[in-house]
Amino acid sequence: MTSWQLVRLIAGSFILLSLALGIPGSPIFVSPWILAFTAFVGVNLLQSALTKWCLMETIMRKLGARAGA
């Protein structure tokens, strides 16, 4: 997988997991404050779209993921 594919995979996983942990009707509910993490991931996705720079992609490249096209 390329670095941008990994970023999307990780971001999507983080969002789904934080929703499962933060919504009161969920069987694995912990706290509604976990939804702040969902907002954090969303803000970072928005920031990366506007600036064309993503910290997670930089980290993935340093860990050995190949750059995407």
PDB file of N, CA and C in Angstrom:
ATOM      1  N   MET A   1       0.846  -1.187   0.000  1.00  0.00           N
ATOM      2  CA  MET A   1       0.000   0.000   0.000  1.00  0.00           C
ATOM      3  C   MET A   1       0.886   1.242   0.000  1.00  0.00           C
ATOM      4  N   THR A   2       0.383   2.281  -0.610  1.00  0.00           N
ATOM      5  CA  THR A   2       1.124   3.537  -0.613  1.00  0.00           C
ATOM      6  C   THR A   2       0.791   4.332   0.645  1.00  0.00           C
ATOM      7  N   SER A   3       1.585   5.371   0.903  1.00  0.00           N
ATOM      8  CA  SER A   3       1.415   6.152   2.127  1.00  0.00           C
ATOM      9  C   SER A   3       0.035   6.815   2.193  1.00  0.00           C
ATOM     10  N   TRP A   4      -0.480   7.304   1.077  1.00  0.00           N
ATOM     11  CA  TRP A   4      -1.786   7.973   1.128  1.00  0.00           C
ATOM     12  C   TRP A   4      -2.910   6.966   1.352  1.00  0.00           C
ATOM     13  N   GLN A   5      -2.740   5.733   0.869  1.00  0.00           N
ATOM     14  CA  GLN A   5      -3.740   4.702   1.131  1.00  0.00           C
ATOM     15  C   GLN A   5      -3.728   4.313   2.608  1.00  0.00           C
ATOM     16  N   LEU A   6      -2.544   4.232   3.196  1.00  0.00           N
ATOM     17  CA  LEU A   6      -2.437   3.918   4.616  1.00  0.00           C
ATOM     18  C   LEU A   6      -3.054   5.010   5.481  1.00  0.00           C
ATOM     19  N   VAL A   7      -2.860   6.265   5.092  1.00  0.00           N
ATOM     20  CA  VAL A   7      -3.447   7.378   5.840  1.00  0.00           C
ATOM     21  C   VAL A   7      -4.960   7.260   5.845  1.00  0.00           C
ATOM     22  N   ARG A   8      -5.552   6.978   4.720  1.00  0.00           N
ATOM     23  CA  ARG A   8      -7.005   6.848   4.644  1.00  0.00           C
ATOM     24  C   ARG A   8      -7.504   5.636   5.436  1.00  0.00           C
ATOM     25  N   LEU A   9      -6.757   4.544   5.384  1.00  0.00           N
ATOM     26  CA  LEU A   9      -7.114   3.356   6.144  1.00  0.00           C
ATOM     27  C   LEU A   9      -7.068   3.632   7.649  1.00  0.00           C
ATOM     28  N   ILE A  10      -6.023   4.280   8.101  1.00  0.00           N
ATOM     29  CA  ILE A  10      -5.874   4.585   9.523  1.00  0.00           C
ATOM     30  C   ILE A  10      -6.924   5.602   9.964  1.00  0.00           C
ATOM     31  N   ALA A  11      -7.124   6.653   9.184  1.00  0.00           N
ATOM     32  CA  ALA A  11      -8.116   7.681   9.544  1.00  0.00           C
ATOM     33  C   ALA A  11      -9.520   7.073   9.623  1.00  0.00           C
ATOM     34  N   GLY A  12      -9.884   6.270   8.650  1.00  0.00           N
ATOM     35  CA  GLY A  12     -11.198   5.622   8.672  1.00  0.00           C
ATOM     36  C   GLY A  12     -11.363   4.698   9.863  1.00  0.00           C
ATOM     37  N   SER A  13     -10.318   3.951  10.187  1.00  0.00           N
ATOM     38  CA  SER A  13     -10.364   3.055  11.348  1.00  0.00           C
ATOM     39  C   SER A  13     -10.504   3.840  12.646  1.00  0.00           C
ATOM     40  N   PHE A  14      -9.737   4.926  12.776  1.00  0.00           N
ATOM     41  CA  PHE A  14      -9.821   5.774  13.968  1.00  0.00           C
ATOM     42  C   PHE A  14     -11.218   6.364  14.129  1.00  0.00           C
ATOM     43  N   ILE A  15     -11.797   6.828  13.035  1.00  0.00           N
ATOM     44  CA  ILE A  15     -13.131   7.426  13.104  1.00  0.00           C
ATOM     45  C   ILE A  15     -14.175   6.390  13.526  1.00  0.00           C
ATOM     46  N   LEU A  16     -14.153   5.219  12.900  1.00  0.00           N
ATOM     47  CA  LEU A  16     -15.130   4.184  13.250  1.00  0.00           C
ATOM     48  C   LEU A  16     -14.958   3.704  14.689  1.00  0.00           C
ATOM     49  N   LEU A  17     -13.719   3.528  15.128  1.00  0.00           N
ATOM     50  CA  LEU A  17     -13.474   3.083  16.494  1.00  0.00           C
ATOM     51  C   LEU A  17     -13.906   4.136  17.512  1.00  0.00           C
ATOM     52  N   SER A  18     -13.582   5.405  17.250  1.00  0.00           N
ATOM     53  CA  SER A  18     -13.959   6.450  18.204  1.00  0.00           C
ATOM     54  C   SER A  18     -15.474   6.657  18.232  1.00  0.00           C
ATOM     55  N   LEU A  19     -16.152   6.459  17.113  1.00  0.00           N
ATOM     56  CA  LEU A  19     -17.612   6.514  17.126  1.00  0.00           C
ATOM     57  C   LEU A  19     -18.193   5.377  17.950  1.00  0.00           C
ATOM     58  N   ALA A  20     -17.630   4.182  17.786  1.00  0.00           N
ATOM     59  CA  ALA A  20     -18.119   3.038  18.560  1.00  0.00           C
ATOM     60  C   ALA A  20     -17.896   3.238  20.053  1.00  0.00           C
ATOM     61  N   LEU A  21     -16.814   3.892  20.427  1.00  0.00           N
ATOM     62  CA  LEU A  21     -16.512   4.125  21.836  1.00  0.00           C
ATOM     63  C   LEU A  21     -17.222   5.339  22.411  1.00  0.00           C
ATOM     64  N   GLY A  22     -17.692   6.242  21.543  1.00  0.00           N
ATOM     65  CA  GLY A  22     -18.249   7.506  22.020  1.00  0.00           C
ATOM     66  C   GLY A  22     -19.746   7.673  21.928  1.00  0.00           C
ATOM     67  N   ILE A  23     -20.443   6.774  21.232  1.00  0.00           N
ATOM     68  CA  ILE A  23     -21.891   6.889  21.097  1.00  0.00           C
ATOM     69  C   ILE A  23     -22.564   6.056  22.188  1.00  0.00           C
ATOM     70  N   PRO A  24     -23.431   6.677  23.000  1.00  0.00           N
ATOM     71  CA  PRO A  24     -24.030   5.973  24.146  1.00  0.00           C
ATOM     72  C   PRO A  24     -24.752   4.672  23.811  1.00  0.00           C
ATOM     73  N   GLY A  25     -25.304   4.498  22.634  1.00  0.00           N
ATOM     74  CA  GLY A  25     -26.016   3.277  22.288  1.00  0.00           C
ATOM     75  C   GLY A  25     -25.114   2.110  21.926  1.00  0.00           C
ATOM     76  N   SER A  26     -23.824   2.366  21.815  1.00  0.00           N
ATOM     77  CA  SER A  26     -22.885   1.326  21.416  1.00  0.00           C
ATOM     78  C   SER A  26     -22.618   0.342  22.561  1.00  0.00           C
ATOM     79  N   PRO A  27     -22.454  -0.937  22.235  1.00  0.00           N
ATOM     80  CA  PRO A  27     -22.157  -1.909  23.299  1.00  0.00           C
ATOM     81  C   PRO A  27     -20.771  -1.725  23.918  1.00  0.00           C
ATOM     82  N   ILE A  28     -19.880  -0.998  23.248  1.00  0.00           N
ATOM     83  CA  ILE A  28     -18.546  -0.761  23.809  1.00  0.00           C
ATOM     84  C   ILE A  28     -18.353   0.707  24.194  1.00  0.00           C
ATOM     85  N   PHE A  29     -19.460   1.389  24.518  1.00  0.00           N
ATOM     86  CA  PHE A  29     -19.424   2.797  24.904  1.00  0.00           C
ATOM     87  C   PHE A  29     -18.502   3.006  26.102  1.00  0.00           C
ATOM     88  N   VAL A  30     -17.688   4.071  26.016  1.00  0.00           N
ATOM     89  CA  VAL A  30     -16.801   4.447  27.113  1.00  0.00           C
ATOM     90  C   VAL A  30     -17.171   5.822  27.637  1.00  0.00           C
ATOM     91  N   SER A  31     -17.123   6.826  26.747  1.00  0.00           N
ATOM     92  CA  SER A  31     -17.401   8.202  27.145  1.00  0.00           C
ATOM     93  C   SER A  31     -17.734   9.021  25.904  1.00  0.00           C
ATOM     94  N   PRO A  32     -18.659   9.981  26.030  1.00  0.00           N
ATOM     95  CA  PRO A  32     -18.932  10.841  24.867  1.00  0.00           C
ATOM     96  C   PRO A  32     -17.744  11.748  24.524  1.00  0.00           C
ATOM     97  N   TRP A  33     -16.823  11.917  25.456  1.00  0.00           N
ATOM     98  CA  TRP A  33     -15.645  12.744  25.185  1.00  0.00           C
ATOM     99  C   TRP A  33     -14.723  12.127  24.139  1.00  0.00           C
ATOM    100  N   ILE A  34     -14.859  10.854  23.881  1.00  0.00           N
ATOM    101  CA  ILE A  34     -14.044  10.209  22.849  1.00  0.00           C
ATOM    102  C   ILE A  34     -14.398  10.756  21.471  1.00  0.00           C
ATOM    103  N   LEU A  35     -15.599  11.321  21.336  1.00  0.00           N
ATOM    104  CA  LEU A  35     -15.984  11.923  20.054  1.00  0.00           C
ATOM    105  C   LEU A  35     -15.097  13.110  19.700  1.00  0.00           C
ATOM    106  N   ALA A  36     -14.411  13.685  20.683  1.00  0.00           N
ATOM    107  CA  ALA A  36     -13.451  14.755  20.399  1.00  0.00           C
ATOM    108  C   ALA A  36     -12.327  14.223  19.512  1.00  0.00           C
ATOM    109  N   PHE A  37     -11.971  12.946  19.680  1.00  0.00           N
ATOM    110  CA  PHE A  37     -10.949  12.335  18.832  1.00  0.00           C
ATOM    111  C   PHE A  37     -11.440  12.239  17.388  1.00  0.00           C
ATOM    112  N   THR A  38     -12.719  11.940  17.212  1.00  0.00           N
ATOM    113  CA  THR A  38     -13.309  11.914  15.873  1.00  0.00           C
ATOM    114  C   THR A  38     -13.173  13.280  15.218  1.00  0.00           C
ATOM    115  N   ALA A  39     -13.475  14.339  15.980  1.00  0.00           N
ATOM    116  CA  ALA A  39     -13.340  15.698  15.463  1.00  0.00           C
ATOM    117  C   ALA A  39     -11.881  16.010  15.131  1.00  0.00           C
ATOM    118  N   PHE A  40     -10.954  15.554  15.962  1.00  0.00           N
ATOM    119  CA  PHE A  40      -9.528  15.777  15.718  1.00  0.00           C
ATOM    120  C   PHE A  40      -9.087  15.151  14.401  1.00  0.00           C
ATOM    121  N   VAL A  41      -9.507  13.926  14.156  1.00  0.00           N
ATOM    122  CA  VAL A  41      -9.160  13.250  12.904  1.00  0.00           C
ATOM    123  C   VAL A  41      -9.770  14.001  11.714  1.00  0.00           C
ATOM    124  N   GLY A  42     -11.028  14.422  11.852  1.00  0.00           N
ATOM    125  CA  GLY A  42     -11.681  15.171  10.774  1.00  0.00           C
ATOM    126  C   GLY A  42     -10.988  16.488  10.473  1.00  0.00           C
ATOM    127  N   VAL A  43     -10.586  17.204  11.503  1.00  0.00           N
ATOM    128  CA  VAL A  43      -9.867  18.479  11.316  1.00  0.00           C
ATOM    129  C   VAL A  43      -8.533  18.233  10.626  1.00  0.00           C
ATOM    130  N   ASN A  44      -7.846  17.164  10.988  1.00  0.00           N
ATOM    131  CA  ASN A  44      -6.573  16.860  10.335  1.00  0.00           C
ATOM    132  C   ASN A  44      -6.757  16.485   8.875  1.00  0.00           C
ATOM    133  N   LEU A  45      -7.831  15.767   8.557  1.00  0.00           N
ATOM    134  CA  LEU A  45      -8.111  15.457   7.152  1.00  0.00           C
ATOM    135  C   LEU A  45      -8.405  16.730   6.355  1.00  0.00           C
ATOM    136  N   LEU A  46      -9.178  17.626   6.957  1.00  0.00           N
ATOM    137  CA  LEU A  46      -9.478  18.908   6.304  1.00  0.00           C
ATOM    138  C   LEU A  46      -8.201  19.726   6.111  1.00  0.00           C
ATOM    139  N   GLN A  47      -7.377  19.798   7.147  1.00  0.00           N
ATOM    140  CA  GLN A  47      -6.124  20.544   7.061  1.00  0.00           C
ATOM    141  C   GLN A  47      -5.231  19.975   5.963  1.00  0.00           C
ATOM    142  N   SER A  48      -5.138  18.656   5.876  1.00  0.00           N
ATOM    143  CA  SER A  48      -4.261  18.072   4.865  1.00  0.00           C
ATOM    144  C   SER A  48      -4.785  18.311   3.450  1.00  0.00           C
ATOM    145  N   ALA A  49      -6.090  18.393   3.296  1.00  0.00           N
ATOM    146  CA  ALA A  49      -6.659  18.687   1.975  1.00  0.00           C
ATOM    147  C   ALA A  49      -6.361  20.122   1.554  1.00  0.00           C
ATOM    148  N   LEU A  50      -6.366  21.040   2.513  1.00  0.00           N
ATOM    149  CA  LEU A  50      -6.148  22.449   2.185  1.00  0.00           C
ATOM    150  C   LEU A  50      -4.672  22.802   2.029  1.00  0.00           C
ATOM    151  N   THR A  51      -3.803  22.152   2.799  1.00  0.00           N
ATOM    152  CA  THR A  51      -2.382  22.506   2.762  1.00  0.00           C
ATOM    153  C   THR A  51      -1.544  21.554   1.924  1.00  0.00           C
ATOM    154  N   LYS A  52      -2.125  20.419   1.544  1.00  0.00           N
ATOM    155  CA  LYS A  52      -1.419  19.380   0.790  1.00  0.00           C
ATOM    156  C   LYS A  52      -0.240  18.805   1.569  1.00  0.00           C
ATOM    157  N   TRP A  53      -0.336  18.815   2.909  1.00  0.00           N
ATOM    158  CA  TRP A  53       0.665  18.223   3.781  1.00  0.00           C
ATOM    159  C   TRP A  53      -0.051  17.472   4.893  1.00  0.00           C
ATOM    160  N   CYS A  54       0.387  16.251   5.151  1.00  0.00           N
ATOM    161  CA  CYS A  54      -0.248  15.428   6.169  1.00  0.00           C
ATOM    162  C   CYS A  54       0.833  14.800   7.046  1.00  0.00           C
ATOM    163  N   LEU A  55       0.750  15.055   8.345  1.00  0.00           N
ATOM    164  CA  LEU A  55       1.732  14.522   9.277  1.00  0.00           C
ATOM    165  C   LEU A  55       1.728  12.997   9.264  1.00  0.00           C
ATOM    166  N   MET A  56       0.556  12.388   9.233  1.00  0.00           N
ATOM    167  CA  MET A  56       0.481  10.922   9.232  1.00  0.00           C
ATOM    168  C   MET A  56       1.152  10.341   7.993  1.00  0.00           C
ATOM    169  N   GLU A  57       1.010  10.996   6.858  1.00  0.00           N
ATOM    170  CA  GLU A  57       1.662  10.499   5.642  1.00  0.00           C
ATOM    171  C   GLU A  57       3.172  10.609   5.770  1.00  0.00           C
ATOM    172  N   THR A  58       3.651  11.682   6.370  1.00  0.00           N
ATOM    173  CA  THR A  58       5.087  11.840   6.615  1.00  0.00           C
ATOM    174  C   THR A  58       5.597  10.721   7.518  1.00  0.00           C
ATOM    175  N   ILE A  59       4.835  10.418   8.561  1.00  0.00           N
ATOM    176  CA  ILE A  59       5.212   9.337   9.473  1.00  0.00           C
ATOM    177  C   ILE A  59       5.229   7.999   8.739  1.00  0.00           C
ATOM    178  N   MET A  60       4.215   7.744   7.907  1.00  0.00           N
ATOM    179  CA  MET A  60       4.149   6.485   7.175  1.00  0.00           C
ATOM    180  C   MET A  60       5.349   6.333   6.239  1.00  0.00           C
ATOM    181  N   ARG A  61       5.748   7.426   5.586  1.00  0.00           N
ATOM    182  CA  ARG A  61       6.904   7.371   4.685  1.00  0.00           C
ATOM    183  C   ARG A  61       8.177   7.075   5.468  1.00  0.00           C
ATOM    184  N   LYS A  62       8.327   7.669   6.650  1.00  0.00           N
ATOM    185  CA  LYS A  62       9.518   7.401   7.468  1.00  0.00           C
ATOM    186  C   LYS A  62       9.547   5.975   7.976  1.00  0.00           C
ATOM    187  N   LEU A  63       8.367   5.359   8.106  1.00  0.00           N
ATOM    188  CA  LEU A  63       8.280   3.972   8.538  1.00  0.00           C
ATOM    189  C   LEU A  63       8.463   2.994   7.373  1.00  0.00           C
ATOM    190  N   GLY A  64       8.625   3.520   6.163  1.00  0.00           N
ATOM    191  CA  GLY A  64       8.940   2.664   5.028  1.00  0.00           C
ATOM    192  C   GLY A  64       7.867   2.521   3.971  1.00  0.00           C
ATOM    193  N   ALA A  65       6.728   3.165   4.132  1.00  0.00           N
ATOM    194  CA  ALA A  65       5.690   3.091   3.093  1.00  0.00           C
ATOM    195  C   ALA A  65       6.153   3.870   1.867  1.00  0.00           C
ATOM    196  N   ARG A  66       5.834   3.351   0.709  1.00  0.00           N
ATOM    197  CA  ARG A  66       6.256   4.056  -0.504  1.00  0.00           C
ATOM    198  C   ARG A  66       5.283   5.211  -0.787  1.00  0.00           C
ATOM    199  N   ALA A  67       5.814   6.242  -1.414  1.00  0.00           N
ATOM    200  CA  ALA A  67       5.019   7.413  -1.744  1.00  0.00           C
ATOM    201  C   ALA A  67       3.987   7.056  -2.806  1.00  0.00           C
ATOM    202  N   GLY A  68       2.808   7.677  -2.701  1.00  0.00           N
ATOM    203  CA  GLY A  68       1.760   7.435  -3.679  1.00  0.00           C
ATOM    204  C   GLY A  68       1.927   8.297  -4.902  1.00  0.00           C
ATOM    205  N   ALA A  69       1.188   7.973  -5.946  1.00  0.00           N
ATOM    206  CA  ALA A  69       1.259   8.724  -7.198  1.00  0.00           C
ATOM    207  C   ALA A  69       0.383   9.937  -7.143  1.00  0.00           C
TER     208      ALA A  69
END
